[in-house]
Amino acid sequence: MLLQLIRNGFSMQMVAGVLSSIFVVFCTLPIHEFAHAVVADRLGDPTARRNGRLTLNPFAHLDLWGCLMIVLVGFGYAKPVPVNMRNFKNPKAGMAAVAFAGPLSNLVMAIVFLILRWVFSVYGNSDFTLILAYFFYYAAYINVSLAVFNLLPIPPLDGSRIATALIPNETYYKIMQYERYIMIGLFVLLLTGVLTRPLALLSGLVMDGLEKLTSLPFVR
């Protein structure tokens, strides 16, 4: 978001986008991680609760580099919630459920924000309500982007945890040995725009579908 603001110049629309990215970092990113922790706890793994991650306190979840990525390019991450899959009755299925809970929470929040966007767009009649409409639109878009980004099968993103249900354990553990290096490479690809464009395309497709869905009560 911030990089786009610098490239395109100052506008109220882009300021709303940057403010919404900061809002996502402190108010909705913690919900993503909280969703992981709740599902893990319900499935029998108390690891997240014991590590203080069963909370909506943003400072328990935020990762500096992941937050900077959200503000700069609209994609990012928080500190992974610790999970011990051996505490699940079905370890692979349990891990997949915990991993999917995060992106699912982002999609739910995106729907809520899009509904608010339509409310302010259709019923608002001032510059302030227009800014709010932009704000919630960008908040929704960032949440969709987070869902798409985190579903990539790349460690330590949620998609890699879901992959544990699909690939042999030995293969997964070998990949995880290079997690730190993979994340550095991922960060470089995002900042250089190599990965940003295909992610933006996928996010745009999901966003278009959710916009059509949420517009039904407002547009005739």
C-alpha atoms as a PDB file:
ATOM      1  CA  MET A   1       0.000   0.000   0.000  1.00  0.00           C
ATOM      2  CA  LEU A   2       2.668   2.533   0.993  1.00  0.00           C
ATOM      3  CA  LEU A   3       4.790   1.759  -2.066  1.00  0.00           C
ATOM      4  CA  GLN A   4       1.743   2.262  -4.277  1.00  0.00           C
ATOM      5  CA  LEU A   5       1.020   5.579  -2.533  1.00  0.00           C
ATOM      6  CA  ILE A   6       4.553   6.765  -3.274  1.00  0.00           C
ATOM      7  CA  ARG A   7       4.303   5.708  -6.934  1.00  0.00           C
ATOM      8  CA  ASN A   8       0.838   7.169  -7.582  1.00  0.00           C
ATOM      9  CA  GLY A   9       1.135  10.321  -5.522  1.00  0.00           C
ATOM     10  CA  PHE A  10      -1.025  11.707  -2.779  1.00  0.00           C
ATOM     11  CA  SER A  11      -4.796  11.152  -2.853  1.00  0.00           C
ATOM     12  CA  MET A  12      -7.467  10.707  -0.201  1.00  0.00           C
ATOM     13  CA  GLN A  13      -8.243   7.300  -1.666  1.00  0.00           C
ATOM     14  CA  MET A  14      -4.682   6.083  -1.194  1.00  0.00           C
ATOM     15  CA  VAL A  15      -4.464   7.584   2.291  1.00  0.00           C
ATOM     16  CA  ALA A  16      -7.576   5.579   3.165  1.00  0.00           C
ATOM     17  CA  GLY A  17      -5.777   2.514   1.803  1.00  0.00           C
ATOM     18  CA  VAL A  18      -2.719   3.069   3.987  1.00  0.00           C
ATOM     19  CA  LEU A  19      -4.856   3.728   7.066  1.00  0.00           C
ATOM     20  CA  SER A  20      -6.817   0.560   6.402  1.00  0.00           C
ATOM     21  CA  SER A  21      -3.579  -1.438   6.188  1.00  0.00           C
ATOM     22  CA  ILE A  22      -2.570  -0.130   9.624  1.00  0.00           C
ATOM     23  CA  PHE A  23      -6.054  -0.997  10.884  1.00  0.00           C
ATOM     24  CA  VAL A  24      -5.666  -4.527   9.536  1.00  0.00           C
ATOM     25  CA  VAL A  25      -2.296  -4.936  11.274  1.00  0.00           C
ATOM     26  CA  PHE A  26      -3.608  -4.006  14.718  1.00  0.00           C
ATOM     27  CA  CYS A  27      -7.265  -5.036  14.572  1.00  0.00           C
ATOM     28  CA  THR A  28      -7.811  -7.890  12.111  1.00  0.00           C
ATOM     29  CA  LEU A  29      -4.454  -9.661  11.843  1.00  0.00           C
ATOM     30  CA  PRO A  30      -4.758 -10.681  15.528  1.00  0.00           C
ATOM     31  CA  ILE A  31      -8.153 -12.250  14.714  1.00  0.00           C
ATOM     32  CA  HIS A  32      -6.438 -14.413  12.084  1.00  0.00           C
ATOM     33  CA  GLU A  33      -3.979 -15.736  14.665  1.00  0.00           C
ATOM     34  CA  PHE A  34      -6.653 -15.985  17.358  1.00  0.00           C
ATOM     35  CA  ALA A  35      -8.668 -18.209  14.991  1.00  0.00           C
ATOM     36  CA  HIS A  36      -5.694 -20.575  14.721  1.00  0.00           C
ATOM     37  CA  ALA A  37      -5.336 -20.676  18.494  1.00  0.00           C
ATOM     38  CA  VAL A  38      -9.052 -21.248  19.160  1.00  0.00           C
ATOM     39  CA  VAL A  39      -9.341 -24.146  16.723  1.00  0.00           C
ATOM     40  CA  ALA A  40      -6.146 -25.770  18.035  1.00  0.00           C
ATOM     41  CA  ASP A  41      -7.364 -25.425  21.616  1.00  0.00           C
ATOM     42  CA  ARG A  42     -10.793 -26.862  20.767  1.00  0.00           C
ATOM     43  CA  LEU A  43      -9.167 -29.819  19.017  1.00  0.00           C
ATOM     44  CA  GLY A  44      -7.148 -30.685  22.117  1.00  0.00           C
ATOM     45  CA  ASP A  45      -3.839 -28.828  21.764  1.00  0.00           C
ATOM     46  CA  PRO A  46      -3.239 -26.331  24.619  1.00  0.00           C
ATOM     47  CA  THR A  47       0.117 -25.125  23.240  1.00  0.00           C
ATOM     48  CA  ALA A  48      -1.197 -21.776  21.956  1.00  0.00           C
ATOM     49  CA  ARG A  49      -3.051 -21.085  25.205  1.00  0.00           C
ATOM     50  CA  ARG A  50       0.037 -21.889  27.284  1.00  0.00           C
ATOM     51  CA  ASN A  51       2.116 -19.528  25.147  1.00  0.00           C
ATOM     52  CA  GLY A  52      -0.295 -16.634  25.586  1.00  0.00           C
ATOM     53  CA  ARG A  53      -1.605 -16.763  22.006  1.00  0.00           C
ATOM     54  CA  LEU A  54      -5.263 -17.439  22.847  1.00  0.00           C
ATOM     55  CA  THR A  55      -5.871 -13.689  22.900  1.00  0.00           C
ATOM     56  CA  LEU A  56      -6.910 -10.789  20.673  1.00  0.00           C
ATOM     57  CA  ASN A  57      -4.069  -8.633  22.021  1.00  0.00           C
ATOM     58  CA  PRO A  58      -2.249  -7.605  18.810  1.00  0.00           C
ATOM     59  CA  PHE A  59       1.155  -7.392  20.499  1.00  0.00           C
ATOM     60  CA  ALA A  60       1.003 -11.115  21.259  1.00  0.00           C
ATOM     61  CA  HIS A  61       0.805 -11.926  17.553  1.00  0.00           C
ATOM     62  CA  LEU A  62       2.537  -9.261  15.478  1.00  0.00           C
ATOM     63  CA  ASP A  63       5.731  -9.896  13.536  1.00  0.00           C
ATOM     64  CA  LEU A  64       7.740  -6.806  12.563  1.00  0.00           C
ATOM     65  CA  TRP A  65       8.650  -7.911   9.026  1.00  0.00           C
ATOM     66  CA  GLY A  66       5.204  -9.343   8.357  1.00  0.00           C
ATOM     67  CA  CYS A  67       3.547  -6.085   9.440  1.00  0.00           C
ATOM     68  CA  LEU A  68       5.901  -4.016   7.287  1.00  0.00           C
ATOM     69  CA  MET A  69       5.031  -6.185   4.302  1.00  0.00           C
ATOM     70  CA  ILE A  70       1.301  -5.538   4.826  1.00  0.00           C
ATOM     71  CA  VAL A  71       1.842  -1.763   4.977  1.00  0.00           C
ATOM     72  CA  LEU A  72       4.291  -1.739   2.039  1.00  0.00           C
ATOM     73  CA  VAL A  73       2.785  -4.223  -0.418  1.00  0.00           C
ATOM     74  CA  GLY A  74      -0.533  -5.393   1.078  1.00  0.00           C
ATOM     75  CA  PHE A  75       0.628  -8.962   1.791  1.00  0.00           C
ATOM     76  CA  GLY A  76       2.135 -10.133   5.063  1.00  0.00           C
ATOM     77  CA  TYR A  77       1.939 -12.365   8.086  1.00  0.00           C
ATOM     78  CA  ALA A  78       2.052 -12.514  11.895  1.00  0.00           C
ATOM     79  CA  LYS A  79       4.000 -14.749  14.246  1.00  0.00           C
ATOM     80  CA  PRO A  80       2.922 -18.345  13.634  1.00  0.00           C
ATOM     81  CA  VAL A  81       0.790 -19.763  16.442  1.00  0.00           C
ATOM     82  CA  PRO A  82       2.659 -22.677  18.070  1.00  0.00           C
ATOM     83  CA  VAL A  83       0.829 -25.950  17.494  1.00  0.00           C
ATOM     84  CA  ASN A  84       1.716 -29.475  18.577  1.00  0.00           C
ATOM     85  CA  MET A  85      -0.120 -31.671  16.098  1.00  0.00           C
ATOM     86  CA  ARG A  86       0.578 -34.761  18.219  1.00  0.00           C
ATOM     87  CA  ASN A  87      -2.123 -33.544  20.618  1.00  0.00           C
ATOM     88  CA  PHE A  88      -4.787 -33.972  17.926  1.00  0.00           C
ATOM     89  CA  LYS A  89      -6.705 -37.223  17.573  1.00  0.00           C
ATOM     90  CA  ASN A  90      -6.062 -37.015  13.844  1.00  0.00           C
ATOM     91  CA  PRO A  91      -2.805 -35.018  13.574  1.00  0.00           C
ATOM     92  CA  LYS A  92      -2.888 -34.259   9.850  1.00  0.00           C
ATOM     93  CA  ALA A  93      -6.584 -33.375   9.705  1.00  0.00           C
ATOM     94  CA  GLY A  94      -6.266 -31.327  12.902  1.00  0.00           C
ATOM     95  CA  MET A  95      -3.311 -29.379  11.558  1.00  0.00           C
ATOM     96  CA  ALA A  96      -5.125 -28.673   8.305  1.00  0.00           C
ATOM     97  CA  ALA A  97      -8.190 -27.424  10.197  1.00  0.00           C
ATOM     98  CA  VAL A  98      -6.077 -25.129  12.381  1.00  0.00           C
ATOM     99  CA  ALA A  99      -4.240 -23.752   9.350  1.00  0.00           C
ATOM    100  CA  PHE A 100      -7.418 -23.097   7.373  1.00  0.00           C
ATOM    101  CA  ALA A 101      -9.056 -21.242  10.277  1.00  0.00           C
ATOM    102  CA  GLY A 102      -6.818 -18.198   9.724  1.00  0.00           C
ATOM    103  CA  PRO A 103      -7.570 -17.551   6.027  1.00  0.00           C
ATOM    104  CA  LEU A 104     -11.234 -18.361   6.663  1.00  0.00           C
ATOM    105  CA  SER A 105     -11.376 -15.625   9.317  1.00  0.00           C
ATOM    106  CA  ASN A 106      -9.912 -13.178   6.778  1.00  0.00           C
ATOM    107  CA  LEU A 107     -12.619 -14.025   4.257  1.00  0.00           C
ATOM    108  CA  VAL A 108     -15.335 -13.573   6.877  1.00  0.00           C
ATOM    109  CA  MET A 109     -13.899 -10.180   7.851  1.00  0.00           C
ATOM    110  CA  ALA A 110     -13.665  -9.210   4.187  1.00  0.00           C
ATOM    111  CA  ILE A 111     -17.387  -9.890   3.779  1.00  0.00           C
ATOM    112  CA  VAL A 112     -18.199  -7.781   6.855  1.00  0.00           C
ATOM    113  CA  PHE A 113     -16.043  -4.892   5.602  1.00  0.00           C
ATOM    114  CA  LEU A 114     -17.568  -5.052   2.122  1.00  0.00           C
ATOM    115  CA  ILE A 115     -21.046  -4.839   3.610  1.00  0.00           C
ATOM    116  CA  LEU A 116     -19.939  -1.725   5.512  1.00  0.00           C
ATOM    117  CA  ARG A 117     -18.435  -0.384   2.305  1.00  0.00           C
ATOM    118  CA  TRP A 118     -21.767  -0.732   0.526  1.00  0.00           C
ATOM    119  CA  VAL A 119     -23.623   0.874   3.432  1.00  0.00           C
ATOM    120  CA  PHE A 120     -21.435   3.995   3.313  1.00  0.00           C
ATOM    121  CA  SER A 121     -21.360   4.049  -0.501  1.00  0.00           C
ATOM    122  CA  VAL A 122     -25.119   3.769  -1.000  1.00  0.00           C
ATOM    123  CA  TYR A 123     -26.440   5.675   1.993  1.00  0.00           C
ATOM    124  CA  GLY A 124     -23.624   8.145   2.619  1.00  0.00           C
ATOM    125  CA  ASN A 125     -23.833  11.672   1.254  1.00  0.00           C
ATOM    126  CA  SER A 126     -20.631  13.358   2.399  1.00  0.00           C
ATOM    127  CA  ASP A 127     -16.898  13.286   1.754  1.00  0.00           C
ATOM    128  CA  PHE A 128     -16.384  11.594   5.124  1.00  0.00           C
ATOM    129  CA  THR A 129     -18.681   8.669   4.303  1.00  0.00           C
ATOM    130  CA  LEU A 130     -16.928   8.348   0.925  1.00  0.00           C
ATOM    131  CA  ILE A 131     -13.584   8.058   2.702  1.00  0.00           C
ATOM    132  CA  LEU A 132     -15.089   5.438   5.017  1.00  0.00           C
ATOM    133  CA  ALA A 133     -16.323   3.517   1.975  1.00  0.00           C
ATOM    134  CA  TYR A 134     -12.773   3.525   0.556  1.00  0.00           C
ATOM    135  CA  PHE A 135     -11.385   2.579   3.970  1.00  0.00           C
ATOM    136  CA  PHE A 136     -13.573  -0.510   4.333  1.00  0.00           C
ATOM    137  CA  TYR A 137     -13.057  -1.480   0.690  1.00  0.00           C
ATOM    138  CA  TYR A 138      -9.288  -1.547   1.177  1.00  0.00           C
ATOM    139  CA  ALA A 139      -9.637  -3.317   4.536  1.00  0.00           C
ATOM    140  CA  ALA A 140     -11.667  -5.999   2.746  1.00  0.00           C
ATOM    141  CA  TYR A 141      -9.156  -6.215  -0.093  1.00  0.00           C
ATOM    142  CA  ILE A 142      -6.213  -6.626   2.290  1.00  0.00           C
ATOM    143  CA  ASN A 143      -8.063  -9.381   4.145  1.00  0.00           C
ATOM    144  CA  VAL A 144      -8.728 -11.176   0.860  1.00  0.00           C
ATOM    145  CA  SER A 145      -5.060 -10.721  -0.064  1.00  0.00           C
ATOM    146  CA  LEU A 146      -4.005 -12.160   3.295  1.00  0.00           C
ATOM    147  CA  ALA A 147      -6.253 -15.178   2.774  1.00  0.00           C
ATOM    148  CA  VAL A 148      -4.851 -15.823  -0.705  1.00  0.00           C
ATOM    149  CA  PHE A 149      -1.253 -15.192   0.399  1.00  0.00           C
ATOM    150  CA  ASN A 150      -1.471 -17.421   3.462  1.00  0.00           C
ATOM    151  CA  LEU A 151      -2.926 -20.294   1.448  1.00  0.00           C
ATOM    152  CA  LEU A 152       0.292 -20.541  -0.574  1.00  0.00           C
ATOM    153  CA  PRO A 153       1.961 -23.915   0.195  1.00  0.00           C
ATOM    154  CA  ILE A 154       5.149 -22.160   1.350  1.00  0.00           C
ATOM    155  CA  PRO A 155       6.534 -22.462   4.925  1.00  0.00           C
ATOM    156  CA  PRO A 156       5.572 -21.059   7.353  1.00  0.00           C
ATOM    157  CA  LEU A 157       2.357 -19.896   5.666  1.00  0.00           C
ATOM    158  CA  ASP A 158      -0.932 -21.651   6.397  1.00  0.00           C
ATOM    159  CA  GLY A 159      -0.952 -23.370   3.027  1.00  0.00           C
ATOM    160  CA  SER A 160       2.154 -25.316   4.014  1.00  0.00           C
ATOM    161  CA  ARG A 161       0.381 -26.536   7.163  1.00  0.00           C
ATOM    162  CA  ILE A 162      -2.617 -27.635   5.103  1.00  0.00           C
ATOM    163  CA  ALA A 163      -0.173 -29.489   2.859  1.00  0.00           C
ATOM    164  CA  THR A 164       0.714 -31.759   5.793  1.00  0.00           C
ATOM    165  CA  ALA A 165      -2.557 -33.586   5.103  1.00  0.00           C
ATOM    166  CA  LEU A 166      -1.526 -34.154   1.479  1.00  0.00           C
ATOM    167  CA  ILE A 167       2.190 -34.964   1.482  1.00  0.00           C
ATOM    168  CA  PRO A 168       4.331 -37.505   3.386  1.00  0.00           C
ATOM    169  CA  ASN A 169       5.676 -36.376   6.766  1.00  0.00           C
ATOM    170  CA  GLU A 170       9.293 -36.895   5.721  1.00  0.00           C
ATOM    171  CA  THR A 171       8.891 -34.585   2.739  1.00  0.00           C
ATOM    172  CA  TYR A 172       7.224 -31.934   4.886  1.00  0.00           C
ATOM    173  CA  TYR A 173       9.944 -32.027   7.557  1.00  0.00           C
ATOM    174  CA  LYS A 174      12.678 -31.700   4.915  1.00  0.00           C
ATOM    175  CA  ILE A 175      10.983 -28.615   3.496  1.00  0.00           C
ATOM    176  CA  MET A 176      10.583 -27.098   6.956  1.00  0.00           C
ATOM    177  CA  GLN A 177      14.372 -27.286   7.499  1.00  0.00           C
ATOM    178  CA  TYR A 178      14.704 -24.476   4.954  1.00  0.00           C
ATOM    179  CA  GLU A 179      11.803 -22.391   6.287  1.00  0.00           C
ATOM    180  CA  ARG A 180      13.905 -19.329   7.162  1.00  0.00           C
ATOM    181  CA  TYR A 181      15.586 -19.196   3.747  1.00  0.00           C
ATOM    182  CA  ILE A 182      12.291 -19.730   1.941  1.00  0.00           C
ATOM    183  CA  MET A 183      10.739 -16.785   3.814  1.00  0.00           C
ATOM    184  CA  ILE A 184      13.669 -14.513   2.880  1.00  0.00           C
ATOM    185  CA  GLY A 185      13.189 -15.460  -0.752  1.00  0.00           C
ATOM    186  CA  LEU A 186       9.447 -14.881  -0.464  1.00  0.00           C
ATOM    187  CA  PHE A 187      10.022 -11.415   1.004  1.00  0.00           C
ATOM    188  CA  VAL A 188      12.367 -10.510  -1.878  1.00  0.00           C
ATOM    189  CA  LEU A 189       9.878 -11.761  -4.488  1.00  0.00           C
ATOM    190  CA  LEU A 190       7.115  -9.634  -2.949  1.00  0.00           C
ATOM    191  CA  LEU A 191       9.179  -6.450  -2.726  1.00  0.00           C
ATOM    192  CA  THR A 192      10.439  -6.815  -6.309  1.00  0.00           C
ATOM    193  CA  GLY A 193       6.900  -7.401  -7.590  1.00  0.00           C
ATOM    194  CA  VAL A 194       7.622 -10.841  -9.057  1.00  0.00           C
ATOM    195  CA  LEU A 195       5.061 -12.535  -6.817  1.00  0.00           C
ATOM    196  CA  THR A 196       2.899  -9.508  -6.139  1.00  0.00           C
ATOM    197  CA  ARG A 197       1.272  -9.452  -9.580  1.00  0.00           C
ATOM    198  CA  PRO A 198      -0.018 -13.057  -9.653  1.00  0.00           C
ATOM    199  CA  LEU A 199      -1.168 -12.732  -6.036  1.00  0.00           C
ATOM    200  CA  ALA A 200      -2.967  -9.493  -6.883  1.00  0.00           C
ATOM    201  CA  LEU A 201      -4.675 -11.236  -9.810  1.00  0.00           C
ATOM    202  CA  LEU A 202      -5.918 -14.077  -7.615  1.00  0.00           C
ATOM    203  CA  SER A 203      -6.967 -11.664  -4.887  1.00  0.00           C
ATOM    204  CA  GLY A 204      -8.821  -9.574  -7.447  1.00  0.00           C
ATOM    205  CA  LEU A 205     -10.805 -12.573  -8.660  1.00  0.00           C
ATOM    206  CA  VAL A 206     -11.842 -13.477  -5.113  1.00  0.00           C
ATOM    207  CA  MET A 207     -12.610  -9.835  -4.360  1.00  0.00           C
ATOM    208  CA  ASP A 208     -14.838  -9.535  -7.430  1.00  0.00           C
ATOM    209  CA  GLY A 209     -16.854 -12.546  -6.314  1.00  0.00           C
ATOM    210  CA  LEU A 210     -17.296 -11.219  -2.780  1.00  0.00           C
ATOM    211  CA  GLU A 211     -18.229  -7.765  -4.081  1.00  0.00           C
ATOM    212  CA  LYS A 212     -20.990  -9.237  -6.224  1.00  0.00           C
ATOM    213  CA  LEU A 213     -22.230 -11.310  -3.299  1.00  0.00           C
ATOM    214  CA  THR A 214     -22.286  -8.461  -0.783  1.00  0.00           C
ATOM    215  CA  SER A 215     -23.794  -5.993  -3.261  1.00  0.00           C
ATOM    216  CA  LEU A 216     -27.002  -8.013  -3.654  1.00  0.00           C
ATOM    217  CA  PRO A 217     -28.940  -6.256  -0.837  1.00  0.00           C
ATOM    218  CA  PHE A 218     -27.807  -2.791  -2.016  1.00  0.00           C
ATOM    219  CA  VAL A 219     -27.689  -2.794  -5.830  1.00  0.00           C
ATOM    220  CA  ARG A 220     -30.733  -3.484  -7.996  1.00  0.00           C
END
